[in-house]
Amino acid sequence: MTSHTVIGWDGLGASRHAANWATDRAALTGEPVRIVQVIAPGHSASDDETLVRAVESTEDEAIRLRNEHPGLQIRADVFVGDALRELEALSGEDVLIAVGTDELGTASRTSGWSLGTRLAASCSGPVAVIPRLDSAERHGIVLAIEGDETDDAATDLAAREAIARQETLHLVHAWHQPVTRGAKGLNPEFIAWLAETHEQALTDAARRVAEAFPEVSLQQHLSTGTPAEALHAFAASASALVVGTRGHGAVLRFILGSTSHDLLLYIDAPTIVVPRQQRDAAEGAEATASRRDRTIV
């Protein structure tokens, strides 16, 4: 579980929805919240007015959320710079970055390069991308299980989310038959072996989760098809979808394609992307620490 949450705020409806989701979550986990607005640098009088409006907007939102969650520690900050770089610098293994999106169910020309997608590709910790939808009727945490790999970071976060919300953790694993050429096709015994192998991988993953988190309620789901198709089906009514990513970096991920990228392109649930491989701890450590602690305005 994360130790605190950073909300990317821009004063628009999508970011307000993300702020609501993130503070509702923080009220369950007890972690402090930081609302951050980033504005581009400028040198004119109008830029000074923009800065003042940004400070007022961010503090007003913090006041609103404090009124809704009196016991929650909420801090408001405004930075001057590039939104991607400033929010990325605030990320870490124990920090959840939450941003909103206007996308829902269908990809637009810009969704593949949205702020949420780019943060998920570059941050060193979990990133939650929150679409504008009603969360009242949603229930359950969905965790993507891929092969026999152990994704400890994503599993830990998903299990703790389910425990905090007192909801079921759904483990979803998908597989599909290899494509063959010719009339004969694949040996049925080989197909049966593949099915058993994938079922065993899911069973093993469920056992590991149950051993680590005996208090969590678990359900297993083995689906045929692509991982993205299966996860979309289960995420349609979920409180949150958690998926691990190998952390290839922004460019490689877009070129290669990935389950997490597809899920963000066609987002239909609050989606938390958790990197499997953390970046070198020494890389930019001083800059990251200074950005986490400083207040520009």
Protein backbone atom coordinates (compact mmCIF):
# COMPACT_ATOMS: atom_id res chain seq x y z
CA MET A 1 0.00 0.00 0.00
CA THR A 2 1.15 3.54 -0.68
CA SER A 3 1.99 5.98 2.10
CA HIS A 4 0.56 9.10 0.47
CA THR A 5 -1.25 10.32 -2.63
CA VAL A 6 -0.51 13.11 -5.10
CA ILE A 7 -3.42 14.42 -7.17
CA GLY A 8 -2.74 16.15 -10.48
CA TRP A 9 -5.11 19.14 -10.50
CA ASP A 10 -5.93 21.52 -13.35
CA GLY A 11 -9.29 22.92 -12.29
CA LEU A 12 -11.26 20.93 -14.87
CA GLY A 13 -13.96 18.30 -14.39
CA ALA A 14 -11.77 15.28 -14.99
CA SER A 15 -9.27 16.32 -12.32
CA ARG A 16 -12.09 16.96 -9.85
CA HIS A 17 -13.34 13.44 -10.41
CA ALA A 18 -9.82 12.15 -9.78
CA ALA A 19 -9.63 14.27 -6.61
CA ASN A 20 -12.89 12.78 -5.34
CA TRP A 21 -11.74 9.24 -6.06
CA ALA A 22 -8.31 9.75 -4.51
CA THR A 23 -9.57 11.39 -1.32
CA ASP A 24 -12.30 8.77 -0.86
CA ARG A 25 -9.56 6.15 -1.15
CA ALA A 26 -7.24 8.04 1.21
CA ALA A 27 -10.02 8.23 3.79
CA LEU A 28 -10.00 4.42 3.81
CA THR A 29 -6.22 4.00 3.90
CA GLY A 30 -5.50 6.96 6.19
CA GLU A 31 -2.74 8.34 3.99
CA PRO A 32 -2.19 12.10 3.49
CA VAL A 33 -3.05 13.79 0.20
CA ARG A 34 -1.22 16.44 -1.78
CA ILE A 35 -3.06 18.37 -4.51
CA VAL A 36 -0.62 19.68 -7.10
CA GLN A 37 -1.27 22.05 -9.98
CA VAL A 38 1.52 22.71 -12.48
CA ILE A 39 1.46 25.76 -14.72
CA ALA A 40 3.80 26.59 -17.57
CA PRO A 41 6.47 29.23 -16.88
CA GLY A 42 5.97 32.78 -18.17
CA HIS A 43 7.20 36.33 -17.68
CA SER A 44 4.29 38.68 -18.37
CA ALA A 45 1.71 40.27 -16.06
CA SER A 46 -0.93 37.91 -17.42
CA ASP A 47 1.27 35.01 -16.36
CA ASP A 48 1.31 36.41 -12.82
CA GLU A 49 -2.49 36.48 -12.91
CA THR A 50 -2.49 32.88 -14.10
CA LEU A 51 -0.33 31.93 -11.16
CA VAL A 52 -2.66 33.67 -8.71
CA ARG A 53 -5.70 31.94 -10.22
CA ALA A 54 -3.92 28.58 -10.02
CA VAL A 55 -3.13 29.10 -6.34
CA GLU A 56 -6.71 30.10 -5.60
CA SER A 57 -8.13 27.17 -7.58
CA THR A 58 -5.88 24.61 -5.92
CA GLU A 59 -6.49 25.91 -2.39
CA ASP A 60 -10.26 26.11 -3.01
CA GLU A 61 -10.26 22.46 -4.05
CA ALA A 62 -8.24 21.54 -0.97
CA ILE A 63 -10.75 23.37 1.24
CA ARG A 64 -13.63 21.53 -0.43
CA LEU A 65 -12.00 18.18 0.13
CA ARG A 66 -11.05 19.00 3.73
CA ASN A 67 -14.71 19.81 4.40
CA GLU A 68 -15.73 16.46 2.93
CA HIS A 69 -13.01 14.57 4.83
CA PRO A 70 -12.35 16.49 8.08
CA GLY A 71 -9.90 13.95 9.42
CA LEU A 72 -7.78 13.77 6.28
CA GLN A 73 -4.46 15.61 5.94
CA ILE A 74 -4.64 17.55 2.66
CA ARG A 75 -1.94 19.88 1.32
CA ALA A 76 -2.18 22.14 -1.75
CA ASP A 77 0.81 23.18 -3.87
CA VAL A 78 1.38 24.96 -7.17
CA PHE A 79 4.50 24.33 -9.25
CA VAL A 80 5.79 26.19 -12.28
CA GLY A 81 7.15 23.90 -14.99
CA ASP A 82 6.15 20.93 -17.10
CA ALA A 83 3.26 18.87 -15.67
CA LEU A 84 4.70 15.51 -16.73
CA ARG A 85 8.16 16.19 -15.30
CA GLU A 86 6.94 17.73 -12.05
CA LEU A 87 4.48 14.93 -11.29
CA GLU A 88 6.99 12.29 -12.35
CA ALA A 89 9.50 13.80 -9.92
CA LEU A 90 6.99 13.37 -7.09
CA SER A 91 6.46 9.67 -7.84
CA GLY A 92 7.94 6.80 -5.88
CA GLU A 93 7.28 3.24 -4.78
CA ASP A 94 5.10 4.44 -1.89
CA VAL A 95 3.44 7.36 -3.70
CA LEU A 96 0.24 7.06 -5.74
CA ILE A 97 -0.08 9.67 -8.51
CA ALA A 98 -3.76 10.16 -9.44
CA VAL A 99 -4.90 12.05 -12.54
CA GLY A 100 -8.22 12.32 -14.33
CA THR A 101 -9.15 11.63 -17.93
CA ASP A 102 -12.11 12.51 -20.14
CA GLU A 103 -11.67 9.26 -22.07
CA LEU A 104 -14.15 6.45 -21.36
CA GLY A 105 -14.39 3.21 -23.34
CA THR A 106 -13.17 4.55 -26.68
CA ALA A 107 -9.78 5.81 -27.81
CA SER A 108 -9.44 9.31 -29.23
CA ARG A 109 -6.65 10.76 -31.34
CA THR A 110 -4.96 12.09 -28.18
CA SER A 111 -5.65 9.34 -25.61
CA GLY A 112 -2.45 7.47 -26.46
CA TRP A 113 -0.45 10.56 -25.52
CA SER A 114 -2.53 11.76 -22.57
CA LEU A 115 -0.89 12.89 -19.34
CA GLY A 116 -2.11 9.77 -17.53
CA THR A 117 -0.70 7.43 -20.17
CA ARG A 118 2.66 9.20 -20.20
CA LEU A 119 2.87 9.19 -16.40
CA ALA A 120 2.08 5.47 -16.32
CA ALA A 121 4.92 4.92 -18.79
CA SER A 122 7.52 6.95 -16.91
CA CYS A 123 6.78 7.10 -13.17
CA SER A 124 8.73 5.02 -10.68
CA GLY A 125 5.60 4.24 -8.64
CA PRO A 126 1.90 3.51 -9.16
CA VAL A 127 -0.22 5.82 -11.30
CA ALA A 128 -4.03 5.89 -11.09
CA VAL A 129 -5.90 7.16 -14.14
CA ILE A 130 -9.50 7.98 -13.25
CA PRO A 131 -12.22 8.29 -15.91
CA ARG A 132 -15.37 10.32 -15.34
CA LEU A 133 -17.89 7.72 -14.21
CA ASP A 134 -20.18 7.02 -11.28
CA SER A 135 -18.38 4.84 -8.74
CA ALA A 136 -21.42 4.24 -6.51
CA GLU A 137 -22.44 0.96 -8.15
CA ARG A 138 -18.93 -0.39 -8.71
CA HIS A 139 -17.47 -3.16 -6.58
CA GLY A 140 -14.38 -5.36 -6.47
CA ILE A 141 -10.68 -4.97 -7.25
CA VAL A 142 -9.45 -6.65 -10.44
CA LEU A 143 -5.81 -7.75 -10.65
CA ALA A 144 -4.19 -8.83 -13.91
CA ILE A 145 -2.27 -12.12 -13.58
CA GLU A 146 0.18 -12.75 -16.43
CA GLY A 147 1.88 -16.14 -16.77
CA ASP A 148 3.75 -17.51 -13.80
CA GLU A 149 5.57 -14.27 -13.05
CA THR A 150 5.22 -12.87 -9.55
CA ASP A 151 4.40 -9.17 -9.70
CA ASP A 152 4.82 -8.38 -6.02
CA ALA A 153 4.24 -4.63 -6.26
CA ALA A 154 0.94 -4.87 -8.16
CA THR A 155 -0.26 -7.83 -6.09
CA ASP A 156 0.52 -6.07 -2.82
CA LEU A 157 -1.26 -2.90 -3.87
CA ALA A 158 -4.33 -4.73 -5.22
CA ALA A 159 -4.69 -6.92 -2.13
CA ARG A 160 -4.42 -3.98 0.22
CA GLU A 161 -6.92 -2.01 -1.87
CA ALA A 162 -9.41 -4.88 -1.55
CA ILE A 163 -8.83 -5.13 2.21
CA ALA A 164 -9.20 -1.38 2.76
CA ARG A 165 -12.43 -1.30 0.75
CA GLN A 166 -13.65 -4.63 2.18
CA GLU A 167 -14.22 -5.85 -1.36
CA THR A 168 -13.37 -9.02 -3.27
CA LEU A 169 -10.07 -9.29 -5.09
CA HIS A 170 -10.60 -10.80 -8.55
CA LEU A 171 -7.55 -12.47 -10.09
CA VAL A 172 -7.91 -12.51 -13.88
CA HIS A 173 -5.67 -14.52 -16.18
CA ALA A 174 -6.24 -14.88 -19.92
CA TRP A 175 -4.72 -17.12 -22.56
CA HIS A 176 -5.41 -17.94 -26.19
CA GLN A 177 -4.55 -20.80 -28.49
CA PRO A 178 -1.56 -20.30 -30.78
CA VAL A 179 -2.40 -19.47 -34.38
CA THR A 180 -1.44 -22.22 -36.84
CA ARG A 181 -1.33 -22.51 -40.60
CA GLY A 182 -2.61 -25.47 -42.54
CA ALA A 183 -5.60 -27.77 -42.26
CA LYS A 184 -4.42 -30.04 -39.45
CA GLY A 185 -4.25 -27.48 -36.67
CA LEU A 186 -2.87 -28.15 -33.22
CA ASN A 187 -2.93 -31.43 -31.36
CA PRO A 188 -5.91 -31.48 -28.93
CA GLU A 189 -3.68 -32.93 -26.23
CA PHE A 190 -1.34 -29.97 -26.60
CA ILE A 191 -4.27 -27.54 -26.27
CA ALA A 192 -5.44 -29.37 -23.14
CA TRP A 193 -1.93 -29.15 -21.70
CA LEU A 194 -1.83 -25.41 -22.41
CA ALA A 195 -5.16 -24.92 -20.66
CA GLU A 196 -4.01 -26.87 -17.63
CA THR A 197 -0.74 -24.91 -17.52
CA HIS A 198 -2.53 -21.57 -17.49
CA GLU A 199 -5.05 -22.78 -14.94
CA GLN A 200 -2.18 -23.89 -12.71
CA ALA A 201 -0.49 -20.51 -13.10
CA LEU A 202 -3.67 -18.80 -11.88
CA THR A 203 -4.05 -21.27 -9.01
CA ASP A 204 -0.45 -20.71 -7.94
CA ALA A 205 -0.93 -16.95 -8.02
CA ALA A 206 -4.08 -17.23 -5.90
CA ARG A 207 -2.24 -19.41 -3.40
CA ARG A 208 0.56 -16.84 -3.07
CA VAL A 209 -1.95 -14.03 -2.49
CA ALA A 210 -3.91 -16.08 0.05
CA GLU A 211 -0.74 -16.90 1.98
CA ALA A 212 0.40 -13.28 2.05
CA PHE A 213 -3.05 -11.80 2.72
CA PRO A 214 -5.23 -14.40 4.47
CA GLU A 215 -7.88 -11.79 5.27
CA VAL A 216 -8.63 -10.95 1.62
CA SER A 217 -11.62 -12.45 -0.20
CA LEU A 218 -10.42 -14.02 -3.48
CA GLN A 219 -12.02 -15.12 -6.72
CA GLN A 220 -10.15 -16.64 -9.69
CA HIS A 221 -11.12 -16.10 -13.32
CA LEU A 222 -9.50 -17.94 -16.24
CA SER A 223 -10.49 -16.51 -19.63
CA THR A 224 -9.67 -17.28 -23.23
CA GLY A 225 -8.64 -14.37 -25.40
CA THR A 226 -6.21 -11.51 -24.98
CA PRO A 227 -5.45 -10.16 -21.49
CA ALA A 228 -6.84 -6.75 -22.40
CA GLU A 229 -10.16 -8.24 -23.57
CA ALA A 230 -10.57 -10.26 -20.37
CA LEU A 231 -9.61 -7.36 -18.11
CA HIS A 232 -11.96 -4.96 -19.87
CA ALA A 233 -14.84 -7.40 -19.29
CA PHE A 234 -14.18 -7.65 -15.55
CA ALA A 235 -13.24 -4.00 -15.08
CA ALA A 236 -16.56 -2.74 -16.43
CA SER A 237 -18.11 -2.94 -12.95
CA ALA A 238 -14.98 -2.85 -10.76
CA SER A 239 -13.97 -0.25 -8.18
CA ALA A 240 -10.45 -0.39 -9.56
CA LEU A 241 -8.29 -2.33 -12.00
CA VAL A 242 -4.66 -2.98 -11.07
CA VAL A 243 -2.13 -3.99 -13.70
CA GLY A 244 1.63 -4.36 -13.57
CA THR A 245 3.90 -3.01 -16.26
CA ARG A 246 7.48 -3.96 -17.03
CA GLY A 247 8.57 -0.34 -17.16
CA HIS A 248 10.10 -0.29 -20.65
CA GLY A 249 9.79 3.49 -20.78
CA ALA A 250 7.43 5.63 -22.80
CA VAL A 251 8.71 5.16 -26.33
CA LEU A 252 9.30 1.40 -26.23
CA ARG A 253 5.96 0.74 -24.61
CA PHE A 254 4.06 2.58 -27.33
CA ILE A 255 6.03 0.85 -30.09
CA LEU A 256 5.73 -2.64 -28.60
CA GLY A 257 2.22 -2.31 -27.25
CA SER A 258 1.18 -3.67 -23.87
CA THR A 259 -1.84 -4.70 -21.86
CA SER A 260 -1.57 -1.64 -19.64
CA HIS A 261 -1.37 0.70 -22.63
CA ASP A 262 -4.45 -0.91 -24.21
CA LEU A 263 -6.36 -0.63 -20.93
CA LEU A 264 -5.56 3.08 -20.71
CA LEU A 265 -6.45 3.68 -24.35
CA TYR A 266 -9.91 2.17 -23.83
CA ILE A 267 -10.27 2.94 -20.14
CA ASP A 268 -13.51 1.84 -18.51
CA ALA A 269 -12.57 1.77 -14.79
CA PRO A 270 -10.23 3.53 -12.38
CA THR A 271 -6.96 1.96 -13.52
CA ILE A 272 -3.82 1.73 -11.39
CA VAL A 273 -0.64 0.94 -13.31
CA VAL A 274 2.18 -0.39 -11.12
CA PRO A 275 5.76 -0.63 -12.48
CA ARG A 276 7.43 -4.00 -11.99
CA GLN A 277 10.97 -2.71 -12.24
CA GLN A 278 11.79 0.35 -10.22
CA ARG A 279 14.27 2.79 -11.64
CA ASP A 280 17.75 3.05 -10.16
CA ALA A 281 17.27 4.56 -6.72
CA ALA A 282 20.28 6.81 -7.20
CA GLU A 283 18.94 8.26 -10.44
CA GLY A 284 17.66 11.72 -9.70
CA ALA A 285 17.26 10.97 -5.99
CA GLU A 286 18.28 14.44 -4.83
CA ALA A 287 16.01 16.16 -7.35
CA THR A 288 13.09 13.93 -6.44
CA ALA A 289 13.51 14.54 -2.70
CA SER A 290 13.70 18.29 -3.15
CA ARG A 291 10.56 18.37 -5.30
CA ARG A 292 8.61 16.25 -2.83
CA ASP A 293 9.37 18.60 0.04
CA ARG A 294 9.24 21.99 -1.62
CA THR A 295 6.30 24.32 -2.15
CA ILE A 296 6.66 26.68 -5.10
CA VAL A 297 3.70 28.84 -4.12
